[in-house]
């Protein structure tokens, strides 16, 4: 089940599943968490996977643009680490 991560500037919708070494799934322009569902389901028994909606896509709701900002992946990881 996904959750929003507040980065301080905006929220990024993320999904984190599994246990083990961390793997950050970064999609292409316009990709959402759902585009990673096959990997989330198939690898969660070996890895802790984190996927996120790119800005302006899916549940993100950020109207300031689309695509991945330079540190959006890092913001997701830091947000999950502090939760």
N, C-alpha and C. Protein backbone atom coordinates (compact mmCIF):
# COMPACT_ATOMS: atom_id res chain seq x y z
N UNK A 1 0.85 -1.18 0.00
CA UNK A 1 0.00 0.00 0.00
C UNK A 1 0.89 1.24 0.00
N UNK A 2 0.58 2.17 -0.85
CA UNK A 2 1.39 3.36 -0.99
C UNK A 2 1.09 4.43 0.04
N UNK A 3 1.97 5.42 0.05
CA UNK A 3 1.80 6.55 0.96
C UNK A 3 2.54 7.76 0.39
N UNK A 4 2.05 8.95 0.71
CA UNK A 4 2.79 10.13 0.28
C UNK A 4 3.96 10.41 1.22
N UNK A 5 5.05 10.88 0.64
CA UNK A 5 6.21 11.31 1.42
C UNK A 5 6.30 12.82 1.26
N UNK A 6 6.31 13.54 2.37
CA UNK A 6 6.43 14.99 2.33
C UNK A 6 7.90 15.34 2.28
N UNK A 7 8.32 16.00 1.20
CA UNK A 7 9.73 16.34 1.01
C UNK A 7 10.09 17.70 1.57
N UNK A 8 9.10 18.41 2.08
CA UNK A 8 9.31 19.78 2.52
C UNK A 8 8.83 20.77 1.50
N UNK A 9 9.01 20.45 0.20
CA UNK A 9 8.55 21.31 -0.89
C UNK A 9 7.25 20.80 -1.50
N UNK A 10 7.06 19.50 -1.51
CA UNK A 10 5.89 18.87 -2.11
C UNK A 10 5.82 17.43 -1.62
N UNK A 11 4.75 16.73 -2.00
CA UNK A 11 4.60 15.32 -1.65
C UNK A 11 4.86 14.45 -2.86
N UNK A 12 5.51 13.30 -2.63
CA UNK A 12 5.75 12.30 -3.67
C UNK A 12 5.04 11.03 -3.24
N UNK A 13 4.20 10.48 -4.11
CA UNK A 13 3.51 9.23 -3.81
C UNK A 13 4.48 8.07 -4.00
N UNK A 14 4.60 7.23 -2.99
CA UNK A 14 5.55 6.13 -3.03
C UNK A 14 4.88 4.81 -2.64
N UNK A 15 5.53 3.74 -3.02
CA UNK A 15 5.15 2.41 -2.55
C UNK A 15 6.43 1.70 -2.16
N UNK A 16 6.43 1.12 -0.96
CA UNK A 16 7.60 0.38 -0.49
C UNK A 16 7.14 -0.99 -0.01
N UNK A 17 7.79 -2.04 -0.53
CA UNK A 17 7.44 -3.41 -0.18
C UNK A 17 8.71 -4.22 0.02
N UNK A 18 8.58 -5.31 0.76
CA UNK A 18 9.65 -6.28 0.88
C UNK A 18 10.64 -5.98 1.99
N UNK A 19 11.60 -6.90 2.11
CA UNK A 19 12.68 -6.79 3.08
C UNK A 19 13.97 -7.24 2.42
N UNK A 20 15.07 -6.65 2.84
CA UNK A 20 16.37 -6.99 2.28
C UNK A 20 17.08 -5.75 1.81
N UNK A 21 18.05 -5.91 0.92
CA UNK A 21 18.79 -4.74 0.41
C UNK A 21 17.83 -3.78 -0.31
N UNK A 22 18.09 -2.49 -0.17
CA UNK A 22 17.25 -1.48 -0.79
C UNK A 22 17.45 -1.40 -2.30
N UNK A 23 16.34 -1.29 -3.02
CA UNK A 23 16.35 -1.05 -4.46
C UNK A 23 15.37 0.08 -4.73
N UNK A 24 15.84 1.15 -5.35
CA UNK A 24 15.01 2.29 -5.70
C UNK A 24 14.66 2.18 -7.18
N UNK A 25 13.35 2.09 -7.48
CA UNK A 25 12.87 1.96 -8.85
C UNK A 25 12.51 3.34 -9.38
N UNK A 26 13.23 3.82 -10.38
CA UNK A 26 13.03 5.15 -10.94
C UNK A 26 12.51 5.00 -12.36
N UNK A 27 11.27 5.42 -12.58
CA UNK A 27 10.63 5.27 -13.88
C UNK A 27 10.99 6.40 -14.84
N UNK A 28 10.59 6.21 -16.08
CA UNK A 28 10.78 7.24 -17.10
C UNK A 28 9.71 8.30 -17.01
N UNK A 29 9.77 9.25 -17.89
CA UNK A 29 8.86 10.38 -17.91
C UNK A 29 7.40 9.91 -17.88
N UNK A 30 6.66 10.36 -16.90
CA UNK A 30 5.25 10.04 -16.79
C UNK A 30 4.95 8.71 -16.14
N UNK A 31 5.96 7.91 -15.80
CA UNK A 31 5.70 6.61 -15.16
C UNK A 31 5.17 6.81 -13.75
N UNK A 32 4.36 5.85 -13.34
CA UNK A 32 3.79 5.86 -12.00
C UNK A 32 4.21 4.60 -11.25
N UNK A 33 3.84 4.54 -9.98
CA UNK A 33 4.13 3.36 -9.16
C UNK A 33 3.58 2.10 -9.83
N UNK A 34 2.41 2.21 -10.45
CA UNK A 34 1.78 1.04 -11.07
C UNK A 34 2.63 0.44 -12.18
N UNK A 35 3.47 1.22 -12.84
CA UNK A 35 4.30 0.68 -13.91
C UNK A 35 5.35 -0.30 -13.38
N UNK A 36 5.56 -0.32 -12.07
CA UNK A 36 6.53 -1.22 -11.45
C UNK A 36 5.87 -2.41 -10.76
N UNK A 37 4.57 -2.61 -10.94
CA UNK A 37 3.86 -3.63 -10.16
C UNK A 37 4.44 -5.03 -10.35
N UNK A 38 4.83 -5.39 -11.56
CA UNK A 38 5.40 -6.72 -11.81
C UNK A 38 6.67 -6.92 -10.97
N UNK A 39 7.54 -5.91 -10.93
CA UNK A 39 8.78 -6.01 -10.15
C UNK A 39 8.48 -5.97 -8.65
N UNK A 40 7.54 -5.13 -8.23
CA UNK A 40 7.19 -5.06 -6.81
C UNK A 40 6.69 -6.41 -6.31
N UNK A 41 5.86 -7.05 -7.11
CA UNK A 41 5.32 -8.36 -6.71
C UNK A 41 6.38 -9.46 -6.78
N UNK A 42 7.23 -9.42 -7.78
CA UNK A 42 8.15 -10.52 -8.02
C UNK A 42 9.45 -10.48 -7.24
N UNK A 43 9.83 -9.32 -6.73
CA UNK A 43 11.13 -9.21 -6.06
C UNK A 43 11.05 -8.89 -4.56
N UNK A 44 9.84 -8.71 -4.04
CA UNK A 44 9.68 -8.30 -2.64
C UNK A 44 10.16 -9.35 -1.65
N UNK A 45 10.30 -10.59 -2.09
CA UNK A 45 10.78 -11.63 -1.17
C UNK A 45 12.29 -11.55 -0.96
N UNK A 46 13.00 -10.75 -1.79
CA UNK A 46 14.46 -10.65 -1.70
C UNK A 46 14.98 -9.25 -1.44
N UNK A 47 14.16 -8.24 -1.74
CA UNK A 47 14.62 -6.84 -1.66
C UNK A 47 13.56 -5.96 -1.02
N UNK A 48 14.00 -4.84 -0.45
CA UNK A 48 13.07 -3.78 -0.05
C UNK A 48 13.02 -2.81 -1.22
N UNK A 49 11.90 -2.79 -1.92
CA UNK A 49 11.74 -2.01 -3.14
C UNK A 49 10.97 -0.74 -2.85
N UNK A 50 11.44 0.36 -3.40
CA UNK A 50 10.74 1.64 -3.29
C UNK A 50 10.53 2.18 -4.70
N UNK A 51 9.27 2.43 -5.05
CA UNK A 51 8.92 3.05 -6.33
C UNK A 51 8.16 4.33 -6.02
N UNK A 52 8.21 5.28 -6.95
CA UNK A 52 7.50 6.54 -6.72
C UNK A 52 6.92 7.09 -8.01
N UNK A 53 5.86 7.89 -7.87
CA UNK A 53 5.27 8.57 -9.01
C UNK A 53 6.15 9.76 -9.38
N UNK A 54 6.44 9.90 -10.66
CA UNK A 54 7.14 11.09 -11.11
C UNK A 54 6.25 12.31 -10.91
N UNK A 55 6.86 13.46 -10.83
CA UNK A 55 6.11 14.70 -10.64
C UNK A 55 5.06 14.84 -11.74
N UNK A 56 3.86 15.18 -11.31
CA UNK A 56 2.78 15.41 -12.26
C UNK A 56 2.10 14.14 -12.75
N UNK A 57 2.51 12.97 -12.28
CA UNK A 57 1.93 11.71 -12.72
C UNK A 57 1.28 10.97 -11.58
N UNK A 58 0.31 10.15 -11.90
CA UNK A 58 -0.31 9.27 -10.90
C UNK A 58 -0.91 10.03 -9.73
N UNK A 59 -0.61 9.58 -8.52
CA UNK A 59 -1.16 10.18 -7.30
C UNK A 59 -0.33 11.35 -6.80
N UNK A 60 0.74 11.68 -7.52
CA UNK A 60 1.65 12.73 -7.07
C UNK A 60 0.93 14.06 -6.90
N UNK A 61 0.18 14.49 -7.91
CA UNK A 61 -0.60 15.72 -7.80
C UNK A 61 0.22 16.99 -7.83
N UNK A 62 1.50 16.93 -8.13
CA UNK A 62 2.33 18.12 -8.21
C UNK A 62 2.12 18.76 -9.57
N UNK A 63 1.51 19.93 -9.57
CA UNK A 63 1.18 20.61 -10.83
C UNK A 63 2.33 21.44 -11.36
N UNK A 64 3.51 21.39 -10.73
CA UNK A 64 4.63 22.25 -11.14
C UNK A 64 5.45 21.68 -12.27
N UNK A 65 5.07 20.57 -12.81
CA UNK A 65 5.83 20.02 -13.92
C UNK A 65 5.79 18.51 -13.90
N UNK A 66 6.40 17.94 -14.91
CA UNK A 66 6.43 16.49 -15.00
C UNK A 66 7.87 16.02 -15.03
N UNK A 67 8.06 14.73 -14.87
CA UNK A 67 9.39 14.16 -14.91
C UNK A 67 9.95 13.96 -13.52
N UNK A 68 11.19 13.58 -13.48
CA UNK A 68 11.87 13.32 -12.22
C UNK A 68 12.78 14.49 -11.92
N UNK A 69 12.60 15.09 -10.74
CA UNK A 69 13.51 16.14 -10.31
C UNK A 69 14.84 15.53 -9.92
N UNK A 70 15.88 16.33 -9.90
CA UNK A 70 17.22 15.84 -9.65
C UNK A 70 17.39 14.99 -8.41
N UNK A 71 16.65 15.28 -7.35
CA UNK A 71 16.84 14.54 -6.10
C UNK A 71 15.55 13.87 -5.63
N UNK A 72 14.58 13.66 -6.51
CA UNK A 72 13.32 13.07 -6.07
C UNK A 72 13.53 11.68 -5.48
N UNK A 73 14.38 10.86 -6.08
CA UNK A 73 14.65 9.52 -5.54
C UNK A 73 15.26 9.59 -4.15
N UNK A 74 16.21 10.48 -3.97
CA UNK A 74 16.82 10.67 -2.66
C UNK A 74 15.81 11.15 -1.63
N UNK A 75 14.92 12.02 -2.04
CA UNK A 75 13.88 12.51 -1.13
C UNK A 75 12.97 11.37 -0.70
N UNK A 76 12.64 10.46 -1.62
CA UNK A 76 11.81 9.30 -1.27
C UNK A 76 12.52 8.44 -0.24
N UNK A 77 13.78 8.16 -0.47
CA UNK A 77 14.54 7.31 0.46
C UNK A 77 14.65 7.97 1.83
N UNK A 78 14.97 9.26 1.87
CA UNK A 78 15.08 9.95 3.16
C UNK A 78 13.72 9.99 3.87
N UNK A 79 12.65 10.17 3.09
CA UNK A 79 11.31 10.20 3.69
C UNK A 79 10.93 8.87 4.31
N UNK A 80 11.26 7.78 3.66
CA UNK A 80 10.95 6.46 4.21
C UNK A 80 11.86 6.15 5.40
N UNK A 81 13.08 6.62 5.37
CA UNK A 81 14.01 6.36 6.48
C UNK A 81 13.57 7.08 7.74
N UNK A 82 12.93 8.24 7.59
CA UNK A 82 12.51 9.00 8.78
C UNK A 82 11.13 8.60 9.27
N UNK A 83 10.41 7.76 8.49
CA UNK A 83 9.06 7.36 8.89
C UNK A 83 9.10 6.29 9.95
